[in-house]
């Protein structure tokens, strides 16, 4: 794994918002009092939802909250690539760079991000975008795809990614999901197998006798 370091520029302080504190209590309630350190990942994730990234003061606040050594929290934040270690743009684009997506054109999608936004892993000068190359996001059948903020955008092309970026830049919210003629992960153009309604409506149901079923004793 590549070395991940904290940003050189850090805020002077960090404070949990009221909403974050409420979520923290929810997560702490899932663990025994002597195992509260087990909540470090969901709490860091909630911190990131609040700030967009996890800063050094946020790591120290989390360590103090959980009674952990700071280095232990730092180890978690730097190990898991889901945690952003420097500020990110308002729109975070995570392009899958694993084999199925690459074979389907993820490289061209990344080229568009690079040309319209700038280098990966760094916020654009206007603060609107950050794009990253990430490992498999589990939507291989809809390759190539990207997670943008909290939603999946699938079956992408260079042209569709360019339009998506333009829409976000203009303050519009483009539609997530597949960008071809398919529903979710169904085949392009619609399903071609298991289309007979009788397979699912119960009309083919029949009584089945189990071969080894113990027969009840006849009544006396």
Protein backbone atom coordinates (compact mmCIF):
# COMPACT_ATOMS: atom_id res chain seq x y z
CA UNK A 1 0.00 0.00 0.00
CA UNK A 2 1.26 3.48 -0.80
CA UNK A 3 2.23 5.81 2.03
CA UNK A 4 -0.63 8.13 3.04
CA UNK A 5 0.23 11.29 4.93
CA UNK A 6 -1.79 14.07 6.51
CA UNK A 7 -2.14 17.34 4.68
CA UNK A 8 0.55 19.91 5.42
CA UNK A 9 -2.13 22.56 5.93
CA UNK A 10 -4.29 21.90 8.99
CA UNK A 11 -7.03 23.86 10.77
CA UNK A 12 -6.28 25.28 14.19
CA UNK A 13 -9.02 23.26 15.88
CA UNK A 14 -11.94 20.88 15.41
CA UNK A 15 -15.29 20.48 17.15
CA UNK A 16 -17.96 17.82 16.72
CA UNK A 17 -21.22 19.34 15.50
CA UNK A 18 -24.45 18.60 17.36
CA UNK A 19 -25.57 16.24 14.61
CA UNK A 20 -22.22 14.45 14.71
CA UNK A 21 -22.38 14.13 18.49
CA UNK A 22 -25.81 12.53 18.22
CA UNK A 23 -24.51 10.00 15.69
CA UNK A 24 -21.48 9.31 17.89
CA UNK A 25 -23.75 8.38 20.78
CA UNK A 26 -25.65 6.04 18.45
CA UNK A 27 -22.44 4.25 17.47
CA UNK A 28 -21.04 4.13 20.98
CA UNK A 29 -24.27 2.47 22.07
CA UNK A 30 -23.45 -0.50 19.87
CA UNK A 31 -20.40 -1.46 21.94
CA UNK A 32 -19.79 -2.28 25.62
CA UNK A 33 -18.29 0.63 27.60
CA UNK A 34 -14.91 -1.12 27.77
CA UNK A 35 -14.91 -1.61 23.98
CA UNK A 36 -15.79 1.93 22.87
CA UNK A 37 -12.58 2.05 20.78
CA UNK A 38 -14.32 -0.35 18.39
CA UNK A 39 -16.36 2.63 17.19
CA UNK A 40 -13.32 4.43 15.77
CA UNK A 41 -14.10 3.70 12.10
CA UNK A 42 -17.78 4.82 12.11
CA UNK A 43 -16.88 7.89 14.17
CA UNK A 44 -14.08 8.88 11.77
CA UNK A 45 -16.53 8.33 8.91
CA UNK A 46 -19.04 10.63 10.60
CA UNK A 47 -16.32 13.24 11.11
CA UNK A 48 -15.57 13.04 7.40
CA UNK A 49 -19.25 13.51 6.55
CA UNK A 50 -19.17 16.66 8.69
CA UNK A 51 -15.96 18.19 7.31
CA UNK A 52 -15.40 16.40 4.00
CA UNK A 53 -12.08 15.08 5.31
CA UNK A 54 -10.34 14.07 8.55
CA UNK A 55 -7.90 16.66 9.85
CA UNK A 56 -5.18 16.24 12.45
CA UNK A 57 -7.23 18.09 15.13
CA UNK A 58 -10.20 15.83 14.30
CA UNK A 59 -8.02 12.76 14.80
CA UNK A 60 -6.90 14.06 18.19
CA UNK A 61 -10.48 14.84 19.21
CA UNK A 62 -11.53 11.33 18.21
CA UNK A 63 -8.65 9.81 20.17
CA UNK A 64 -9.60 11.79 23.27
CA UNK A 65 -13.26 10.86 22.90
CA UNK A 66 -12.50 7.14 22.69
CA UNK A 67 -9.65 7.06 25.19
CA UNK A 68 -7.22 5.92 22.51
CA UNK A 69 -3.62 6.84 21.86
CA UNK A 70 -3.49 9.36 19.02
CA UNK A 71 -1.16 7.13 17.01
CA UNK A 72 -3.80 4.37 17.00
CA UNK A 73 -6.39 6.67 15.43
CA UNK A 74 -3.79 7.95 12.97
CA UNK A 75 -3.03 4.36 11.96
CA UNK A 76 -6.69 3.74 11.14
CA UNK A 77 -7.10 6.95 9.16
CA UNK A 78 -3.95 6.42 7.10
CA UNK A 79 -4.60 2.72 6.45
CA UNK A 80 -8.13 2.97 5.04
CA UNK A 81 -8.31 4.88 1.76
CA UNK A 82 -11.96 5.70 2.43
CA UNK A 83 -10.69 8.51 4.66
CA UNK A 84 -9.64 11.74 2.94
CA UNK A 85 -6.51 13.19 4.51
CA UNK A 86 -6.76 16.58 2.86
CA UNK A 87 -9.68 18.85 1.94
CA UNK A 88 -11.78 17.71 -1.01
CA UNK A 89 -14.03 19.61 -3.37
CA UNK A 90 -17.77 19.94 -2.98
CA UNK A 91 -18.12 17.14 -5.55
CA UNK A 92 -15.94 14.11 -4.87
CA UNK A 93 -15.57 11.81 -7.89
CA UNK A 94 -14.15 8.34 -7.23
CA UNK A 95 -13.50 6.49 -10.48
CA UNK A 96 -13.10 2.73 -10.25
CA UNK A 97 -9.72 1.68 -11.66
CA UNK A 98 -9.99 -2.08 -11.20
CA UNK A 99 -9.72 -4.47 -14.16
CA UNK A 100 -13.40 -4.75 -15.28
CA UNK A 101 -13.80 -0.97 -15.39
CA UNK A 102 -10.43 -0.45 -17.08
CA UNK A 103 -11.34 -2.97 -19.78
CA UNK A 104 -14.58 -1.06 -20.36
CA UNK A 105 -13.03 2.39 -20.68
CA UNK A 106 -12.25 3.72 -17.21
CA UNK A 107 -9.01 5.17 -18.55
CA UNK A 108 -10.92 7.49 -20.88
CA UNK A 109 -13.22 8.50 -18.01
CA UNK A 110 -10.16 9.38 -15.90
CA UNK A 111 -8.67 11.36 -18.79
CA UNK A 112 -11.79 13.54 -18.78
CA UNK A 113 -11.49 14.08 -15.02
CA UNK A 114 -7.84 14.96 -15.42
CA UNK A 115 -8.47 17.45 -18.22
CA UNK A 116 -11.52 19.15 -16.68
CA UNK A 117 -10.55 19.05 -12.99
CA UNK A 118 -6.78 18.63 -12.74
CA UNK A 119 -4.47 16.10 -11.03
CA UNK A 120 -6.13 13.32 -9.07
CA UNK A 121 -6.25 13.42 -5.27
CA UNK A 122 -6.14 17.23 -5.18
CA UNK A 123 -8.94 19.77 -4.94
CA UNK A 124 -9.54 21.90 -8.02
CA UNK A 125 -8.56 25.58 -7.69
CA UNK A 126 -12.22 26.63 -7.53
CA UNK A 127 -12.92 24.19 -4.69
CA UNK A 128 -15.69 22.46 -6.63
CA UNK A 129 -14.10 19.10 -7.43
CA UNK A 130 -11.72 16.40 -6.33
CA UNK A 131 -11.31 13.18 -8.29
CA UNK A 132 -9.65 9.96 -7.21
CA UNK A 133 -8.88 6.55 -8.68
CA UNK A 134 -10.17 3.87 -6.32
CA UNK A 135 -10.34 0.11 -6.13
CA UNK A 136 -13.42 -1.98 -6.93
CA UNK A 137 -16.72 -0.46 -5.81
CA UNK A 138 -18.70 -3.62 -6.50
CA UNK A 139 -20.64 -2.56 -9.60
CA UNK A 140 -18.59 -4.48 -12.16
CA UNK A 141 -21.54 -5.37 -14.39
CA UNK A 142 -22.12 -1.63 -14.91
CA UNK A 143 -18.49 -0.85 -15.75
CA UNK A 144 -17.02 1.68 -16.09
CA UNK A 145 -18.47 3.47 -13.11
CA UNK A 146 -17.73 6.10 -10.50
CA UNK A 147 -19.07 7.00 -7.10
CA UNK A 148 -19.83 10.70 -6.98
CA UNK A 149 -20.43 11.88 -3.42
CA UNK A 150 -22.87 9.23 -2.15
CA UNK A 151 -24.21 7.86 -5.46
CA UNK A 152 -23.12 5.49 -8.23
CA UNK A 153 -22.90 6.70 -11.84
CA UNK A 154 -22.58 3.70 -14.13
CA UNK A 155 -21.98 2.63 -17.75
CA UNK A 156 -19.99 5.81 -18.27
CA UNK A 157 -18.23 7.11 -21.36
CA UNK A 158 -15.87 10.03 -21.79
CA UNK A 159 -18.78 12.07 -23.13
CA UNK A 160 -21.17 11.24 -20.31
CA UNK A 161 -18.55 11.94 -17.64
CA UNK A 162 -17.78 15.30 -19.24
CA UNK A 163 -21.50 16.18 -19.17
CA UNK A 164 -21.80 15.05 -15.53
CA UNK A 165 -18.90 17.29 -14.51
CA UNK A 166 -20.39 20.22 -16.42
CA UNK A 167 -23.74 19.67 -14.71
CA UNK A 168 -22.22 19.70 -11.23
CA UNK A 169 -20.17 22.78 -12.10
CA UNK A 170 -23.37 24.55 -13.16
CA UNK A 171 -25.13 23.67 -9.90
CA UNK A 172 -27.30 20.95 -11.41
CA UNK A 173 -27.68 17.46 -9.91
CA UNK A 174 -27.23 14.87 -12.68
CA UNK A 175 -29.17 11.65 -12.42
CA UNK A 176 -27.21 8.77 -10.82
CA UNK A 177 -27.45 5.18 -12.01
CA UNK A 178 -26.81 3.61 -15.44
CA UNK A 179 -26.10 5.84 -18.42
CA UNK A 180 -27.28 3.25 -20.95
CA UNK A 181 -30.64 1.60 -21.61
CA UNK A 182 -30.80 -0.68 -18.61
CA UNK A 183 -32.61 -0.83 -15.28
CA UNK A 184 -30.16 -1.13 -12.39
CA UNK A 185 -27.95 -4.11 -13.35
CA UNK A 186 -30.35 -5.77 -15.77
CA UNK A 187 -29.12 -6.52 -19.31
CA UNK A 188 -28.90 -3.61 -21.72
CA UNK A 189 -32.27 -3.30 -23.48
CA UNK A 190 -34.11 -5.28 -20.82
CA UNK A 191 -34.14 -8.87 -19.53
CA UNK A 192 -33.96 -11.70 -22.05
CA UNK A 193 -34.35 -14.69 -19.75
CA UNK A 194 -36.87 -15.69 -17.08
CA UNK A 195 -39.47 -13.43 -18.64
CA UNK A 196 -42.45 -15.82 -18.36
CA UNK A 197 -44.78 -14.44 -15.63
CA UNK A 198 -45.86 -17.97 -14.70
CA UNK A 199 -42.41 -18.53 -13.25
CA UNK A 200 -43.22 -16.08 -10.47
CA UNK A 201 -47.01 -15.75 -10.11
CA UNK A 202 -47.56 -19.11 -8.40
CA UNK A 203 -49.59 -20.64 -11.25
CA UNK A 204 -47.09 -23.47 -11.64
CA UNK A 205 -47.23 -24.42 -7.98
CA UNK A 206 -48.15 -28.01 -7.21
CA UNK A 207 -48.28 -30.16 -4.15
CA UNK A 208 -45.09 -32.11 -3.58
CA UNK A 209 -44.81 -35.29 -1.52
CA UNK A 210 -41.50 -35.66 0.28
CA UNK A 211 -40.16 -39.20 -0.37
CA UNK A 212 -38.93 -39.77 3.20
CA UNK A 213 -41.69 -38.02 5.04
CA UNK A 214 -42.79 -39.88 8.17
CA UNK A 215 -46.45 -40.74 7.86
CA UNK A 216 -48.61 -40.04 10.91
CA UNK A 217 -50.01 -43.00 12.86
CA UNK A 218 -53.64 -43.78 11.94
CA UNK A 219 -56.16 -42.71 14.53
CA UNK A 220 -57.32 -45.51 16.87
